[in-house]
Amino acid sequence: MHQDQNQDQALAATLAALLLVGVTLIARELIGLWPAAGLGMGSVLIAYWGPAAARRIALAVAARRFGRHIAAYERAAR
């Protein structure tokens, strides 16, 4: 079972790399070298940092809501 999961992850990584290369090559022909390179690198960075950024944003929203809840509770207690 563990080996199947490793093979699935390797296949997913290979397909992602092929897709990234293909999109970057097509974009290079359409919009030029540097914008295409930025598009390729940007998509990799978004995929890498995206989940961590989403967690930080969700945590900040939850903390803000909790703070508002506590403030409303304190106002009601007066």
N, C-alpha and C. Protein backbone atom coordinates (compact mmCIF):
# COMPACT_ATOMS: atom_id res chain seq x y z
N MET A 1 0.82 -1.19 0.00
CA MET A 1 0.00 0.00 0.00
C MET A 1 0.86 1.25 0.00
N HIS A 2 1.90 1.25 0.83
CA HIS A 2 2.79 2.41 0.90
C HIS A 2 3.50 2.63 -0.42
N GLN A 3 3.87 1.55 -1.07
CA GLN A 3 4.55 1.65 -2.36
C GLN A 3 3.61 2.22 -3.42
N ASP A 4 2.34 1.85 -3.38
CA ASP A 4 1.37 2.40 -4.33
C ASP A 4 1.23 3.91 -4.15
N GLN A 5 1.23 4.36 -2.89
CA GLN A 5 1.13 5.79 -2.61
C GLN A 5 2.36 6.52 -3.14
N ASN A 6 3.54 5.94 -2.95
CA ASN A 6 4.77 6.55 -3.47
C ASN A 6 4.74 6.64 -4.99
N GLN A 7 4.24 5.59 -5.63
CA GLN A 7 4.15 5.61 -7.09
C GLN A 7 3.15 6.65 -7.57
N ASP A 8 2.04 6.79 -6.85
CA ASP A 8 1.05 7.81 -7.22
C ASP A 8 1.63 9.21 -7.07
N GLN A 9 2.39 9.42 -5.99
CA GLN A 9 3.00 10.73 -5.79
C GLN A 9 4.05 11.02 -6.85
N ALA A 10 4.83 10.00 -7.22
CA ALA A 10 5.84 10.19 -8.27
C ALA A 10 5.17 10.49 -9.60
N LEU A 11 4.08 9.80 -9.91
CA LEU A 11 3.35 10.06 -11.15
C LEU A 11 2.77 11.47 -11.15
N ALA A 12 2.21 11.89 -10.02
CA ALA A 12 1.64 13.24 -9.93
C ALA A 12 2.72 14.29 -10.10
N ALA A 13 3.88 14.09 -9.50
CA ALA A 13 4.98 15.04 -9.64
C ALA A 13 5.48 15.10 -11.08
N THR A 14 5.56 13.95 -11.72
CA THR A 14 6.01 13.91 -13.12
C THR A 14 5.02 14.62 -14.03
N LEU A 15 3.75 14.35 -13.85
CA LEU A 15 2.74 15.03 -14.67
C LEU A 15 2.72 16.53 -14.42
N ALA A 16 2.89 16.94 -13.17
CA ALA A 16 2.94 18.37 -12.86
C ALA A 16 4.14 19.03 -13.53
N ALA A 17 5.29 18.36 -13.50
CA ALA A 17 6.48 18.92 -14.15
C ALA A 17 6.29 19.02 -15.66
N LEU A 18 5.72 17.99 -16.26
CA LEU A 18 5.48 18.03 -17.70
C LEU A 18 4.49 19.14 -18.06
N LEU A 19 3.46 19.28 -17.27
CA LEU A 19 2.48 20.33 -17.52
C LEU A 19 3.11 21.71 -17.37
N LEU A 20 3.93 21.88 -16.34
CA LEU A 20 4.60 23.17 -16.13
C LEU A 20 5.53 23.50 -17.29
N VAL A 21 6.29 22.52 -17.73
CA VAL A 21 7.21 22.75 -18.86
C VAL A 21 6.43 23.08 -20.12
N GLY A 22 5.38 22.32 -20.38
CA GLY A 22 4.59 22.56 -21.58
C GLY A 22 3.94 23.92 -21.58
N VAL A 23 3.34 24.30 -20.47
CA VAL A 23 2.70 25.62 -20.38
C VAL A 23 3.74 26.73 -20.51
N THR A 24 4.90 26.53 -19.90
CA THR A 24 5.95 27.56 -19.99
C THR A 24 6.44 27.71 -21.42
N LEU A 25 6.60 26.61 -22.14
CA LEU A 25 7.05 26.70 -23.54
C LEU A 25 6.01 27.38 -24.42
N ILE A 26 4.74 27.05 -24.22
CA ILE A 26 3.69 27.69 -25.00
C ILE A 26 3.60 29.17 -24.65
N ALA A 27 3.70 29.49 -23.37
CA ALA A 27 3.64 30.89 -22.95
C ALA A 27 4.84 31.67 -23.50
N ARG A 28 5.99 31.01 -23.57
CA ARG A 28 7.18 31.69 -24.12
C ARG A 28 6.94 32.12 -25.56
N GLU A 29 6.28 31.28 -26.32
CA GLU A 29 6.00 31.62 -27.72
C GLU A 29 4.93 32.71 -27.82
N LEU A 30 4.01 32.73 -26.88
CA LEU A 30 2.92 33.71 -26.94
C LEU A 30 3.28 35.08 -26.35
N ILE A 31 3.96 35.09 -25.19
CA ILE A 31 4.18 36.36 -24.49
C ILE A 31 5.64 36.72 -24.30
N GLY A 32 6.55 35.85 -24.66
CA GLY A 32 7.97 36.16 -24.53
C GLY A 32 8.63 35.37 -23.41
N LEU A 33 9.96 35.45 -23.37
CA LEU A 33 10.75 34.62 -22.46
C LEU A 33 10.54 34.98 -21.00
N TRP A 34 10.77 36.26 -20.64
CA TRP A 34 10.75 36.61 -19.22
C TRP A 34 9.36 36.56 -18.60
N PRO A 35 8.31 37.03 -19.27
CA PRO A 35 6.98 36.83 -18.68
C PRO A 35 6.62 35.35 -18.52
N ALA A 36 7.04 34.52 -19.46
CA ALA A 36 6.76 33.08 -19.35
C ALA A 36 7.55 32.47 -18.20
N ALA A 37 8.80 32.89 -18.04
CA ALA A 37 9.59 32.39 -16.92
C ALA A 37 8.98 32.82 -15.59
N GLY A 38 8.52 34.06 -15.53
CA GLY A 38 7.84 34.53 -14.32
C GLY A 38 6.56 33.77 -14.05
N LEU A 39 5.83 33.46 -15.11
CA LEU A 39 4.60 32.68 -14.96
C LEU A 39 4.91 31.29 -14.43
N GLY A 40 5.93 30.66 -14.98
CA GLY A 40 6.31 29.32 -14.51
C GLY A 40 6.80 29.32 -13.08
N MET A 41 7.69 30.26 -12.75
CA MET A 41 8.21 30.33 -11.38
C MET A 41 7.12 30.74 -10.40
N GLY A 42 6.27 31.65 -10.83
CA GLY A 42 5.18 32.09 -9.96
C GLY A 42 4.23 30.96 -9.62
N SER A 43 3.92 30.13 -10.60
CA SER A 43 3.02 29.01 -10.32
C SER A 43 3.64 28.00 -9.37
N VAL A 44 4.95 27.79 -9.48
CA VAL A 44 5.63 26.88 -8.56
C VAL A 44 5.63 27.47 -7.14
N LEU A 45 5.90 28.76 -7.03
CA LEU A 45 5.91 29.39 -5.71
C LEU A 45 4.52 29.40 -5.08
N ILE A 46 3.50 29.63 -5.88
CA ILE A 46 2.13 29.60 -5.37
C ILE A 46 1.78 28.20 -4.87
N ALA A 47 2.17 27.19 -5.63
CA ALA A 47 1.89 25.81 -5.21
C ALA A 47 2.65 25.46 -3.94
N TYR A 48 3.85 26.02 -3.78
CA TYR A 48 4.68 25.72 -2.60
C TYR A 48 4.21 26.49 -1.37
N TRP A 49 3.97 27.81 -1.53
CA TRP A 49 3.60 28.65 -0.40
C TRP A 49 2.10 28.76 -0.18
N GLY A 50 1.30 28.36 -1.15
CA GLY A 50 -0.14 28.53 -1.07
C GLY A 50 -0.79 27.93 0.16
N PRO A 51 -0.56 26.64 0.44
CA PRO A 51 -1.21 26.05 1.62
C PRO A 51 -0.82 26.72 2.94
N ALA A 52 0.45 27.08 3.08
CA ALA A 52 0.88 27.74 4.32
C ALA A 52 0.23 29.12 4.43
N ALA A 53 0.15 29.84 3.32
CA ALA A 53 -0.48 31.16 3.34
C ALA A 53 -1.97 31.04 3.66
N ALA A 54 -2.61 30.03 3.11
CA ALA A 54 -4.04 29.82 3.39
C ALA A 54 -4.27 29.53 4.87
N ARG A 55 -3.39 28.73 5.46
CA ARG A 55 -3.51 28.44 6.90
C ARG A 55 -3.33 29.70 7.73
N ARG A 56 -2.33 30.53 7.37
CA ARG A 56 -2.10 31.77 8.12
C ARG A 56 -3.29 32.72 8.01
N ILE A 57 -3.85 32.81 6.82
CA ILE A 57 -5.01 33.69 6.63
C ILE A 57 -6.20 33.16 7.43
N ALA A 58 -6.43 31.85 7.38
CA ALA A 58 -7.54 31.26 8.13
C ALA A 58 -7.36 31.47 9.63
N LEU A 59 -6.13 31.34 10.11
CA LEU A 59 -5.85 31.55 11.52
C LEU A 59 -6.08 33.01 11.91
N ALA A 60 -5.66 33.94 11.06
CA ALA A 60 -5.86 35.36 11.35
C ALA A 60 -7.35 35.71 11.37
N VAL A 61 -8.11 35.15 10.45
CA VAL A 61 -9.56 35.40 10.42
C VAL A 61 -10.22 34.84 11.68
N ALA A 62 -9.83 33.62 12.06
CA ALA A 62 -10.40 33.01 13.26
C ALA A 62 -10.05 33.81 14.50
N ALA A 63 -8.80 34.29 14.58
CA ALA A 63 -8.39 35.10 15.74
C ALA A 63 -9.17 36.41 15.78
N ARG A 64 -9.39 37.04 14.64
CA ARG A 64 -10.15 38.29 14.59
C ARG A 64 -11.60 38.05 15.03
N ARG A 65 -12.20 36.97 14.55
CA ARG A 65 -13.58 36.64 14.95
C ARG A 65 -13.66 36.37 16.44
N PHE A 66 -12.67 35.64 16.97
CA PHE A 66 -12.66 35.34 18.40
C PHE A 66 -12.52 36.63 19.21
N GLY A 67 -11.66 37.53 18.75
CA GLY A 67 -11.50 38.81 19.43
C GLY A 67 -12.78 39.63 19.42
N ARG A 68 -13.47 39.62 18.30
CA ARG A 68 -14.75 40.34 18.22
C ARG A 68 -15.79 39.69 19.13
N HIS A 69 -15.77 38.37 19.20
CA HIS A 69 -16.71 37.66 20.07
C HIS A 69 -16.46 38.02 21.54
N ILE A 70 -15.20 38.04 21.94
CA ILE A 70 -14.85 38.40 23.32
C ILE A 70 -15.23 39.84 23.61
N ALA A 71 -14.97 40.75 22.65
CA ALA A 71 -15.33 42.15 22.84
C ALA A 71 -16.84 42.32 22.98
N ALA A 72 -17.59 41.60 22.17
CA ALA A 72 -19.06 41.68 22.27
C ALA A 72 -19.54 41.11 23.61
N TYR A 73 -18.91 40.05 24.09
CA TYR A 73 -19.26 39.47 25.37
C TYR A 73 -18.98 40.45 26.50
N GLU A 74 -17.84 41.15 26.43
CA GLU A 74 -17.48 42.12 27.46
C GLU A 74 -18.44 43.31 27.45
N ARG A 75 -18.84 43.74 26.24
CA ARG A 75 -19.80 44.85 26.16
C ARG A 75 -21.14 44.45 26.75
N ALA A 76 -21.57 43.22 26.50
CA ALA A 76 -22.87 42.73 27.01
C ALA A 76 -22.84 42.53 28.51
N ALA A 77 -21.65 42.25 29.06
CA ALA A 77 -21.54 42.02 30.50
C ALA A 77 -21.58 43.32 31.30
N ARG A 78 -21.39 44.45 30.68
CA ARG A 78 -21.39 45.75 31.39
C ARG A 78 -22.75 46.23 31.69
